[in-house]
Each structure stands twice: as C-alpha cells, then as structure tokens.
Amino acid sequence: MMMDFLSNTIVSIATVLSGTWVLFQILERRSHFLLRVLGALGIAIVQGSIGLLQIPVLNMTSAMLMIVGSTLLCYRCKKLYFLVYDVLIAFCGFLTDVLAVLVLSTYYNSSISSILQEKEYIIIRCSFTTLLTFLLCQLLFTLIRKKHAIFSWYEAIFYTMLATGEITVFAYVCKYIQAYSSGMFLIFFLLGCLVLDVYIVVVFYRISIVRKTEKENALLQQQSEMQLEVYSDLQQRYQNSMRTIHDAKRHVRALESLIQSDHLAEAQQYKESLFQKLNELQPSIQCDNPLLSAILNHVFLKTEQRHIALKMDLQGEEQLSMLAGVDLTTIVSNLLDNAVDAVSELPEEQRYIHFAVAFQMGEIMIHVENPTKNDLKREGNTIVSTKEGHLGLGLKNVEMVVEKYKGHFKTYVENGKFIAAITIPTATDF
C-alpha cells in the first residue's frame, strides 16, 4: 500500500511540476507564486492518495481537477485556453506513465501487474515517468508557443471532454487486462489513441489558423479603410490649397483693382474672405508626429460638425513614431471614432472628448475619456458596442494591435464616463 501511494504521488508531483514549469512560460503568474506552487504540490499528494482506490473514472477526474486546480492557484487565467493546456499536461503525465509501464513490461518480459506491484520496478518506473513527463511537456509547449494557436471556449471544453473520456477508457483497459497481457496489446492500443489525438490536434490547429487569419484580415481591412479615410481628407485639403494657389494672382489683381478705385471697404472685406479660405487650409492641430496630426485633424472636423468639445493633452507624442502607421491609425481612429459616436447621442452641453498622450518611464500612454449613457457589453477584457448592426470590431482590433506591441489595454466605466487606457513599452523587440 505504501509503495502504491509513493508511486502515485511521485507521478502526480511530476505532472504538476511539469505543468507549472511549461505554463510559467505562457500564463501570467499570481502573487506569492512559490507558496502557491507548494499548495499545488499538496494537491498532488492528495491526488496520490485518491489513486489508491484504483477506480479509473475517479482517478482521471481527480487528476484533471488536480491540474486545473494547480493552474488556477498559480496563474491568472483570463480565458478558457488553459483547459486545452491542462488536458495536454494530463495527457503527457498519463502517457509517460503508461509508456514507462509498457516498456518495463516488454523489457523484463513481465506482466503489467508485476510492474505495478513489485517494489524493484517502482523506482525505475517513477524515474522514467518523471523524466519523460518533463521532456514531453517541454517539447509540446515549445511548439505551442511558436504556433500561437487560437482556441475558442467550446473547442477547449470539447477537447477536454474528449481527452478525458479517451484516457478513462484506456485506464479501464489497463485495469482489466493488466494481469494477462505482456504489454504488446496495450502498446498497439496506445499507438491507435496517439494517431487519433494527432489527427484531432491537427484539425484544431488548422481551424485556429483559419480563425486567426480571418481576424488578421478583418483588422487589415479596417486599417486600410481608416488610412484611406484619413488620406482622402488630406487629399481634399491638398486640392483646395492647389485651387487657392492657382487663383492667387487673380485674387491679388482683384485687391489691386479695388484699392486703385478707392473701394477700400470692399477690399478689406475681400481680404478677410481670402484669409478665411487660407485658414481653412491650415491644419487646426499640429504636433510632432505628422500622421497623428492628420488623424487628429480628421477627427477634429467630425467633432466640429457635431458640436463636440475635443480636449487634447499631447506630451511626448513623437514616441508614437515607433508604431507602424497602420497600427497608429487603428488605435487612435478607433478610440476617437467610438468616442464621437458615443457623445453624439448626448445633449450638446454634455458632449466632450478628452484625448491624452504621455511618455513616462519608457512607456507610451494613450488615454481617451468621454461621457456615455449606453449599456456596455464586455467580451474578455474589452467593452464592445451594443448598437444594433454594429460589428464591434473597433476595440477588438485595438486590443490586437496593443498585444502585438506587448502593451496593456484596459477599458472601464467610472462615474458615467467611458475610459480607454493604453500602455505600450518602447524598449521591447517585436
């Protein structure tokens, strides 16, 4: 009994430590991480005790709860992706333990029951299982980090249920034939399960790639549309300025004619109208980043038309040059366009937008604030539009761009005001 407990506990600890190590490189750690790891090891010891009951369904359930509980204890899990990771960790632990037993059974020409029960095999089995679990988890999650697969919540749940059922069936098979088989049947059975799992993983991966491509294409389309809108505005200003310059000589002659004929009042009026046209061609907002100036002037025209007060606080905006033009357009245009749409529904005296850019301690900070009256819907960490017929891609695309630069994007409502806050490090390699 003691040896069985020791064996189960070592396998459980190896699985937890392997999972904790590979997830360390993927998920965000909680505070007091080392203490939480000790708590996870305590969970592993409890699971080792449950394994003494030798009930496959109970063992599998407790093992999955052990891994999920350890993950939630040690890491911040914002989405259900971690379920896929936990299933993979559980599968690695189970696979390596089974593989260790089968290899030893075949090598020593002994039954599986003997390998599991006799003391001289337990140390070899546990050592083999621990080493393989670490190696397999490290290899598998190295590939995951490189591929950046995107899973939906229902795919994560489906994959979890499928893998759990598969491992449970395999555990039942092991339980009922372990006393009669030398291990060859189980080896072939295991290989069949592996082929099925590889196929499922490939299908999921292809689906995730298609989904990721669709999101990227939607983002690129929106970026292109926004860039085109901004450049169209610039083109219109350029054409107007060209017409004014072309007519400059005609305007000068008209002024000379009025002055020579002593029509000074008319000349003064003509001069004022000419100055007004020239002022319309002059950008209302100028800053150190030319593209930001173009975007803000484009938004400024919208706010003027809708009687919205646009308050700006620009400090260190030249640092925004580190962002690609399309990315800067996506962030600023989306945030400000959403703000314009939101405040346009309010009484005129309540319409204002506060846009601020600052550079502090090696980070670019972008802040947008506006009053709101609409109900807000949250998806993940962002708030999306509740307007009928609105796709709600704006803030999602902003989030994608910010993640690209390893920044942080936060949206929240405070005292009737919608606030979007972005922080992007400038010293990060992308």
Protein backbone atom coordinates (compact mmCIF):
# COMPACT_ATOMS: atom_id res chain seq x y z
CA MET A 1 0.00 0.00 0.00
CA MET A 2 2.80 2.40 0.93
CA MET A 3 4.63 1.74 -2.31
CA ASP A 4 1.48 2.31 -4.34
CA PHE A 5 0.92 5.62 -2.56
CA LEU A 6 4.53 6.62 -3.15
CA SER A 7 4.33 5.69 -6.82
CA ASN A 8 1.05 7.57 -7.42
CA THR A 9 2.29 10.61 -5.52
CA ILE A 10 5.57 10.82 -7.45
CA VAL A 11 3.73 10.64 -10.77
CA SER A 12 1.27 13.31 -9.61
CA ILE A 13 4.06 15.60 -8.40
CA ALA A 14 5.97 15.12 -11.66
CA THR A 15 2.86 16.08 -13.64
CA VAL A 16 2.16 19.17 -11.51
CA LEU A 17 5.77 20.37 -11.62
CA SER A 18 5.99 19.80 -15.37
CA GLY A 19 2.73 21.65 -15.93
CA THR A 20 3.77 24.51 -13.65
CA TRP A 21 7.06 24.85 -15.49
CA VAL A 22 5.67 24.95 -19.02
CA LEU A 23 2.77 27.24 -18.09
CA PHE A 24 5.31 29.56 -16.42
CA GLN A 25 6.36 30.48 -19.94
CA ILE A 26 2.81 31.09 -21.22
CA LEU A 27 0.46 32.37 -18.48
CA GLU A 28 0.65 35.33 -16.09
CA ARG A 29 1.80 34.36 -12.59
CA ARG A 30 -0.15 35.22 -9.43
CA SER A 31 1.43 36.90 -6.44
CA HIS A 32 3.34 34.70 -3.95
CA PHE A 33 3.97 32.25 -6.75
CA LEU A 34 6.34 29.91 -4.86
CA LEU A 35 3.91 29.50 -1.98
CA ARG A 36 1.19 28.69 -4.48
CA VAL A 37 3.43 26.06 -6.09
CA LEU A 38 3.78 24.42 -2.66
CA GLY A 39 0.00 24.42 -2.42
CA ALA A 40 -0.17 22.73 -5.85
CA LEU A 41 2.23 20.04 -4.60
CA GLY A 42 -0.12 19.50 -1.66
CA ILE A 43 -2.94 18.93 -4.15
CA ALA A 44 -0.72 16.37 -5.92
CA ILE A 45 -0.22 14.46 -2.67
CA VAL A 46 -3.98 14.32 -2.13
CA GLN A 47 -4.44 13.04 -5.67
CA GLY A 48 -1.85 10.33 -5.00
CA SER A 49 -3.97 9.17 -2.07
CA ILE A 50 -7.09 9.04 -4.22
CA GLY A 51 -5.20 6.86 -6.72
CA LEU A 52 -5.03 4.10 -4.13
CA LEU A 53 -8.75 3.46 -4.67
CA GLN A 54 -7.94 2.17 -8.20
CA ILE A 55 -11.17 3.48 -9.74
CA PRO A 56 -10.30 4.70 -13.26
CA VAL A 57 -13.09 7.31 -13.54
CA LEU A 58 -12.32 8.70 -10.08
CA ASN A 59 -8.57 8.68 -10.75
CA MET A 60 -8.97 10.51 -14.04
CA THR A 61 -11.39 13.03 -12.60
CA SER A 62 -9.17 13.75 -9.61
CA ALA A 63 -6.10 14.04 -11.85
CA MET A 64 -7.82 16.63 -14.09
CA LEU A 65 -9.08 18.53 -11.05
CA MET A 66 -5.55 18.44 -9.66
CA ILE A 67 -4.07 20.01 -12.79
CA VAL A 68 -6.87 22.56 -13.28
CA GLY A 69 -6.77 23.49 -9.59
CA SER A 70 -2.99 23.90 -9.68
CA THR A 71 -3.24 26.10 -12.78
CA LEU A 72 -5.92 28.34 -11.25
CA LEU A 73 -3.96 28.51 -8.00
CA CYS A 74 -0.68 29.59 -9.61
CA TYR A 75 -1.72 31.59 -12.68
CA ARG A 76 -4.16 34.26 -13.87
CA CYS A 77 -6.35 32.58 -16.48
CA LYS A 78 -8.33 35.20 -18.40
CA LYS A 79 -9.75 32.76 -20.94
CA LEU A 80 -10.57 29.08 -21.19
CA TYR A 81 -7.47 28.36 -23.27
CA PHE A 82 -5.84 26.97 -20.14
CA LEU A 83 -8.22 23.96 -20.30
CA VAL A 84 -6.53 22.86 -23.52
CA TYR A 85 -3.13 23.32 -21.88
CA ASP A 86 -4.21 21.34 -18.80
CA VAL A 87 -5.56 18.49 -20.90
CA LEU A 88 -2.26 18.30 -22.73
CA ILE A 89 -0.37 18.23 -19.43
CA ALA A 90 -2.65 15.50 -18.08
CA PHE A 91 -2.21 13.53 -21.26
CA CYS A 92 1.58 13.87 -21.07
CA GLY A 93 1.60 12.62 -17.48
CA PHE A 94 -0.72 9.72 -18.26
CA LEU A 95 1.06 8.81 -21.49
CA THR A 96 4.53 8.75 -19.97
CA ASP A 97 3.39 6.66 -17.00
CA VAL A 98 1.69 4.13 -19.28
CA LEU A 99 4.67 4.13 -21.62
CA ALA A 100 7.04 3.53 -18.71
CA VAL A 101 4.98 0.53 -17.55
CA LEU A 102 4.72 -0.91 -21.07
CA VAL A 103 8.44 -0.52 -21.78
CA LEU A 104 9.38 -2.17 -18.50
CA SER A 105 6.84 -4.94 -19.08
CA THR A 106 8.25 -5.67 -22.51
CA TYR A 107 11.90 -5.32 -21.48
CA TYR A 108 11.67 -7.58 -18.42
CA ASN A 109 9.08 -9.90 -20.05
CA SER A 110 6.80 -9.45 -17.05
CA SER A 111 3.11 -8.79 -16.73
CA ILE A 112 1.81 -5.27 -16.23
CA SER A 113 0.50 -6.30 -12.83
CA SER A 114 4.01 -7.26 -11.73
CA ILE A 115 5.49 -4.00 -12.95
CA LEU A 116 2.88 -2.03 -11.00
CA GLN A 117 3.12 -4.02 -7.75
CA GLU A 118 6.67 -5.28 -7.30
CA LYS A 119 8.97 -2.95 -5.36
CA GLU A 120 12.07 -3.38 -7.53
CA TYR A 121 10.27 -1.85 -10.53
CA ILE A 122 8.68 1.15 -8.79
CA ILE A 123 11.81 3.33 -8.56
CA ILE A 124 12.69 2.68 -12.20
CA ARG A 125 9.11 3.37 -13.30
CA CYS A 126 8.81 6.62 -11.33
CA SER A 127 12.19 7.91 -12.54
CA PHE A 128 11.35 7.07 -16.13
CA THR A 129 7.90 8.66 -15.83
CA THR A 130 9.24 11.86 -14.23
CA LEU A 131 11.94 12.36 -16.86
CA LEU A 132 9.63 11.68 -19.82
CA THR A 133 6.88 13.93 -18.43
CA PHE A 134 9.26 16.89 -18.19
CA LEU A 135 10.71 16.27 -21.66
CA LEU A 136 7.36 15.70 -23.39
CA CYS A 137 5.68 18.74 -21.79
CA GLN A 138 8.64 20.94 -22.66
CA LEU A 139 8.67 19.77 -26.28
CA LEU A 140 4.92 20.07 -26.73
CA PHE A 141 4.59 23.55 -25.24
CA THR A 142 7.63 24.83 -27.11
CA LEU A 143 5.74 24.02 -30.32
CA ILE A 144 2.59 25.68 -28.93
CA ARG A 145 4.44 28.93 -28.16
CA LYS A 146 5.81 29.04 -31.69
CA LYS A 147 2.46 28.41 -33.40
CA HIS A 148 0.28 30.74 -31.28
CA ALA A 149 -2.88 28.73 -31.87
CA ILE A 150 -6.21 30.35 -31.02
CA PHE A 151 -8.89 28.16 -29.39
CA SER A 152 -12.47 29.08 -28.76
CA TRP A 153 -14.11 28.26 -25.44
CA TYR A 154 -16.28 25.49 -26.90
CA GLU A 155 -13.25 23.88 -28.58
CA ALA A 156 -11.42 23.92 -25.26
CA ILE A 157 -14.34 22.23 -23.48
CA PHE A 158 -14.82 19.70 -26.30
CA TYR A 159 -11.14 18.82 -26.33
CA THR A 160 -11.13 18.45 -22.55
CA MET A 161 -14.13 16.10 -22.55
CA LEU A 162 -12.76 14.04 -25.46
CA ALA A 163 -9.32 13.59 -23.97
CA THR A 164 -10.74 12.82 -20.53
CA GLY A 165 -13.02 10.14 -21.97
CA GLU A 166 -10.20 8.66 -24.02
CA ILE A 167 -7.84 8.42 -21.08
CA THR A 168 -10.56 6.96 -18.87
CA VAL A 169 -11.32 4.22 -21.41
CA PHE A 170 -7.64 3.44 -21.68
CA ALA A 171 -7.35 3.26 -17.88
CA TYR A 172 -10.22 0.73 -17.79
CA VAL A 173 -8.50 -1.36 -20.45
CA CYS A 174 -5.28 -1.33 -18.46
CA LYS A 175 -7.13 -2.32 -15.28
CA TYR A 176 -8.86 -5.36 -16.73
CA ILE A 177 -6.11 -6.89 -18.83
CA GLN A 178 -3.01 -5.96 -16.85
CA ALA A 179 -2.80 -9.39 -15.26
CA TYR A 180 -2.92 -11.26 -18.55
CA SER A 181 -1.05 -9.16 -21.04
CA SER A 182 2.65 -8.73 -21.61
CA GLY A 183 2.05 -5.21 -22.86
CA MET A 184 2.08 -5.61 -26.65
CA PHE A 185 -1.70 -5.22 -26.98
CA LEU A 186 -1.62 -2.06 -24.89
CA ILE A 187 1.24 -0.67 -26.96
CA PHE A 188 -0.81 -1.03 -30.16
CA PHE A 189 -3.88 0.34 -28.41
CA LEU A 190 -1.89 3.32 -27.21
CA LEU A 191 -0.50 3.94 -30.70
CA GLY A 192 -4.05 3.98 -32.06
CA CYS A 193 -5.05 6.57 -29.47
CA LEU A 194 -2.00 8.64 -30.36
CA VAL A 195 -2.89 8.62 -34.07
CA LEU A 196 -6.40 9.78 -33.21
CA ASP A 197 -5.07 12.51 -30.91
CA VAL A 198 -2.60 13.75 -33.51
CA TYR A 199 -5.41 13.95 -36.07
CA ILE A 200 -7.63 15.91 -33.66
CA VAL A 201 -4.80 18.30 -32.78
CA VAL A 202 -4.05 18.89 -36.48
CA VAL A 203 -7.74 19.63 -37.18
CA PHE A 204 -7.94 22.02 -34.22
CA TYR A 205 -4.72 23.70 -35.26
CA ARG A 206 -5.93 24.26 -38.84
CA ILE A 207 -9.21 25.67 -37.53
CA SER A 208 -7.30 28.01 -35.23
CA ILE A 209 -5.09 29.19 -38.09
CA VAL A 210 -8.16 29.93 -40.23
CA ARG A 211 -9.72 31.86 -37.34
CA LYS A 212 -6.51 33.80 -36.73
CA THR A 213 -6.22 34.61 -40.44
CA GLU A 214 -9.81 35.84 -40.53
CA LYS A 215 -9.17 38.16 -37.57
CA GLU A 216 -5.98 39.48 -39.15
CA ASN A 217 -7.74 40.07 -42.47
CA ALA A 218 -10.57 41.93 -40.71
CA LEU A 219 -8.01 44.07 -38.93
CA LEU A 220 -6.10 44.80 -42.13
CA GLN A 221 -9.31 45.72 -43.93
CA GLN A 222 -10.31 48.12 -41.18
CA GLN A 223 -6.81 49.62 -41.11
CA SER A 224 -6.91 50.14 -44.86
CA GLU A 225 -10.33 51.79 -44.69
CA MET A 226 -9.22 54.13 -41.92
CA GLN A 227 -6.00 55.02 -43.69
CA LEU A 228 -7.93 55.70 -46.87
CA GLU A 229 -10.36 57.94 -45.00
CA VAL A 230 -7.52 59.95 -43.43
CA TYR A 231 -5.60 60.24 -46.70
CA SER A 232 -8.76 61.24 -48.56
CA ASP A 233 -9.15 64.09 -46.10
CA LEU A 234 -5.53 65.11 -46.72
CA GLN A 235 -6.06 64.86 -50.48
CA GLN A 236 -9.10 67.12 -50.23
CA ARG A 237 -7.10 69.70 -48.29
CA TYR A 238 -4.32 69.49 -50.87
CA GLN A 239 -6.71 70.02 -53.78
CA ASN A 240 -8.30 73.00 -52.04
CA SER A 241 -4.88 74.52 -51.40
CA MET A 242 -3.89 73.99 -55.04
CA ARG A 243 -7.01 75.79 -56.22
CA THR A 244 -6.30 78.70 -53.88
CA ILE A 245 -2.69 78.93 -55.03
CA HIS A 246 -3.78 78.72 -58.66
CA ASP A 247 -6.12 81.63 -58.11
CA ALA A 248 -3.61 83.67 -56.11
CA LYS A 249 -2.75 86.00 -58.98
CA ARG A 250 -6.43 86.59 -59.67
CA HIS A 251 -7.03 87.45 -56.03
CA VAL A 252 -4.10 89.89 -55.97
CA ARG A 253 -5.32 91.64 -59.13
CA ALA A 254 -8.83 91.92 -57.66
CA LEU A 255 -7.43 93.51 -54.47
CA GLU A 256 -5.28 95.93 -56.51
CA SER A 257 -8.27 96.92 -58.58
CA LEU A 258 -10.41 97.63 -55.51
CA ILE A 259 -7.64 99.66 -53.86
CA GLN A 260 -6.91 101.69 -57.01
CA SER A 261 -10.57 102.52 -57.37
CA ASP A 262 -10.72 103.61 -53.70
CA HIS A 263 -13.14 100.83 -52.77
CA LEU A 264 -11.28 100.24 -49.54
CA ALA A 265 -14.21 98.74 -47.65
CA GLU A 266 -14.76 96.17 -50.37
CA ALA A 267 -11.03 95.47 -50.47
CA GLN A 268 -10.98 94.88 -46.71
CA GLN A 269 -13.95 92.54 -46.97
CA TYR A 270 -12.34 90.68 -49.85
CA LYS A 271 -9.11 90.33 -47.86
CA GLU A 272 -10.97 88.89 -44.87
CA SER A 273 -12.76 86.31 -47.01
CA LEU A 274 -9.44 85.34 -48.61
CA PHE A 275 -7.82 84.93 -45.17
CA GLN A 276 -10.73 82.75 -44.08
CA LYS A 277 -10.18 80.42 -47.02
CA LEU A 278 -6.47 80.22 -46.23
CA ASN A 279 -7.18 79.45 -42.57
CA GLU A 280 -9.45 76.59 -43.58
CA LEU A 281 -6.49 75.03 -45.39
CA GLN A 282 -4.28 75.39 -42.31
CA PRO A 283 -4.41 72.28 -40.08
CA SER A 284 -6.18 73.04 -36.83
CA ILE A 285 -3.98 70.63 -34.85
CA GLN A 286 -0.23 70.32 -35.28
CA CYS A 287 2.06 68.04 -33.30
CA ASP A 288 5.46 66.36 -33.62
CA ASN A 289 4.03 63.22 -35.24
CA PRO A 290 2.76 64.06 -38.77
CA LEU A 291 0.43 61.06 -39.05
CA LEU A 292 -1.08 61.75 -35.64
CA SER A 293 -1.65 65.36 -36.76
CA ALA A 294 -3.50 64.12 -39.84
CA ILE A 295 -5.66 61.71 -37.82
CA LEU A 296 -6.50 64.31 -35.16
CA ASN A 297 -7.38 66.94 -37.76
CA HIS A 298 -9.64 64.43 -39.46
CA VAL A 299 -11.37 63.71 -36.14
CA PHE A 300 -11.48 67.44 -35.32
CA LEU A 301 -13.61 68.11 -38.41
CA LYS A 302 -16.09 65.49 -37.18
CA THR A 303 -16.25 66.99 -33.69
CA GLU A 304 -16.82 70.49 -35.12
CA GLN A 305 -19.68 69.26 -37.28
CA ARG A 306 -21.33 67.56 -34.29
CA HIS A 307 -20.58 70.34 -31.78
CA ILE A 308 -18.28 68.20 -29.64
CA ALA A 309 -15.56 69.74 -27.50
CA LEU A 310 -12.25 67.96 -28.24
CA LYS A 311 -9.76 68.40 -25.38
CA MET A 312 -6.20 67.27 -26.04
CA ASP A 313 -3.12 66.88 -23.89
CA LEU A 314 -0.15 65.82 -26.03
CA GLN A 315 3.22 65.20 -24.38
CA GLY A 316 5.92 63.04 -25.92
CA GLU A 317 3.74 62.18 -28.90
CA GLU A 318 6.89 61.91 -31.05
CA GLN A 319 7.42 58.50 -29.39
CA LEU A 320 4.42 57.24 -31.34
CA SER A 321 6.70 57.01 -34.37
CA MET A 322 7.75 53.58 -33.09
CA LEU A 323 4.30 52.31 -34.13
CA ALA A 324 3.61 51.34 -37.71
CA GLY A 325 1.39 53.85 -39.49
CA VAL A 326 -1.50 51.43 -39.89
CA ASP A 327 -1.25 50.45 -36.20
CA LEU A 328 -1.26 54.05 -35.00
CA THR A 329 -4.27 54.74 -37.22
CA THR A 330 -6.09 51.68 -35.85
CA ILE A 331 -5.56 52.69 -32.22
CA VAL A 332 -6.29 56.41 -32.39
CA SER A 333 -9.00 56.36 -35.07
CA ASN A 334 -10.94 53.53 -33.42
CA LEU A 335 -10.85 55.07 -29.95
CA LEU A 336 -11.78 58.56 -31.13
CA ASP A 337 -14.40 57.43 -33.67
CA ASN A 338 -16.09 55.35 -30.96
CA ALA A 339 -15.98 58.36 -28.64
CA VAL A 340 -17.50 60.64 -31.31
CA ASP A 341 -20.34 58.16 -31.91
CA ALA A 342 -20.99 57.80 -28.17
CA VAL A 343 -21.15 61.50 -27.28
CA SER A 344 -23.15 62.41 -30.40
CA GLU A 345 -26.18 60.83 -28.72
CA LEU A 346 -25.88 63.12 -25.69
CA PRO A 347 -27.24 66.67 -25.21
CA GLU A 348 -24.92 69.22 -26.77
CA GLU A 349 -23.81 70.67 -23.42
CA GLN A 350 -22.52 67.22 -22.35
CA ARG A 351 -20.52 66.48 -25.47
CA TYR A 352 -16.79 66.35 -24.91
CA ILE A 353 -13.85 64.03 -25.60
CA HIS A 354 -10.55 64.08 -23.74
CA PHE A 355 -7.58 62.63 -25.64
CA ALA A 356 -4.16 62.47 -24.00
CA VAL A 357 -0.76 61.09 -24.94
CA ALA A 358 2.15 60.91 -22.49
CA PHE A 359 5.57 59.32 -22.30
CA GLN A 360 6.79 58.26 -18.87
CA MET A 361 9.38 55.75 -17.65
CA GLY A 362 9.90 54.20 -21.07
CA GLU A 363 6.20 53.71 -21.78
CA ILE A 364 3.75 55.39 -24.13
CA MET A 365 0.39 56.08 -22.50
CA ILE A 366 -2.75 56.83 -24.50
CA HIS A 367 -5.90 57.93 -22.68
CA VAL A 368 -9.36 58.55 -24.12
CA GLU A 369 -12.27 59.67 -21.97
CA ASN A 370 -15.86 60.55 -22.86
CA PRO A 371 -19.29 60.57 -21.16
CA THR A 372 -21.62 57.70 -22.04
CA LYS A 373 -25.19 56.65 -21.46
CA ASN A 374 -25.32 53.34 -23.33
CA ASP A 375 -25.32 49.95 -21.70
CA LEU A 376 -21.92 48.38 -22.05
CA LYS A 377 -21.16 44.82 -23.00
CA ARG A 378 -17.88 43.23 -22.05
CA GLU A 379 -16.16 40.49 -24.04
CA GLY A 380 -12.98 39.35 -22.39
CA ASN A 381 -11.14 42.43 -21.21
CA THR A 382 -12.72 44.90 -23.59
CA ILE A 383 -16.07 46.66 -23.89
CA VAL A 384 -17.82 46.36 -27.23
CA SER A 385 -20.64 48.27 -28.83
CA THR A 386 -24.25 47.37 -28.15
CA LYS A 387 -25.56 49.30 -31.16
CA GLU A 388 -27.83 47.34 -33.46
CA GLY A 389 -25.99 46.32 -36.61
CA HIS A 390 -22.62 47.35 -35.19
CA LEU A 391 -19.93 44.69 -35.63
CA GLY A 392 -17.98 45.79 -32.58
CA LEU A 393 -14.60 45.16 -34.22
CA GLY A 394 -13.08 48.51 -33.26
CA LEU A 395 -11.93 47.83 -29.71
CA LYS A 396 -11.06 44.22 -30.55
CA ASN A 397 -8.73 45.45 -33.28
CA VAL A 398 -7.21 47.96 -30.88
CA GLU A 399 -6.61 45.11 -28.43
CA MET A 400 -4.92 43.03 -31.17
CA VAL A 401 -2.59 45.90 -32.08
CA VAL A 402 -1.69 46.61 -28.44
CA GLU A 403 -0.94 42.92 -27.83
CA LYS A 404 1.31 42.99 -30.89
CA TYR A 405 3.47 45.59 -29.12
CA LYS A 406 3.26 43.69 -25.80
CA GLY A 407 1.30 46.50 -24.21
CA HIS A 408 -1.77 46.65 -21.98
CA PHE A 409 -5.26 47.81 -22.97
CA LYS A 410 -7.92 48.50 -20.36
CA THR A 411 -11.47 49.78 -20.73
CA TYR A 412 -13.84 50.64 -17.91
CA VAL A 413 -16.70 52.94 -16.90
CA GLU A 414 -16.35 55.33 -13.97
CA ASN A 415 -18.83 58.00 -12.87
CA GLY A 416 -20.72 57.87 -16.17
CA LYS A 417 -17.52 58.16 -18.22
CA PHE A 418 -16.08 55.59 -20.58
CA ILE A 419 -12.30 55.39 -20.25
CA ALA A 420 -9.84 53.61 -22.50
CA ALA A 421 -6.25 53.39 -21.27
CA ILE A 422 -3.32 52.00 -23.28
CA THR A 423 0.26 51.46 -22.13
CA ILE A 424 2.93 50.38 -24.63
CA PRO A 425 6.61 49.80 -23.73
CA THR A 426 9.13 51.39 -26.07
CA ALA A 427 12.07 49.14 -25.27
CA THR A 428 10.50 45.84 -26.43
CA ASP A 429 11.54 43.88 -29.50
CA PHE A 430 8.59 42.99 -31.71
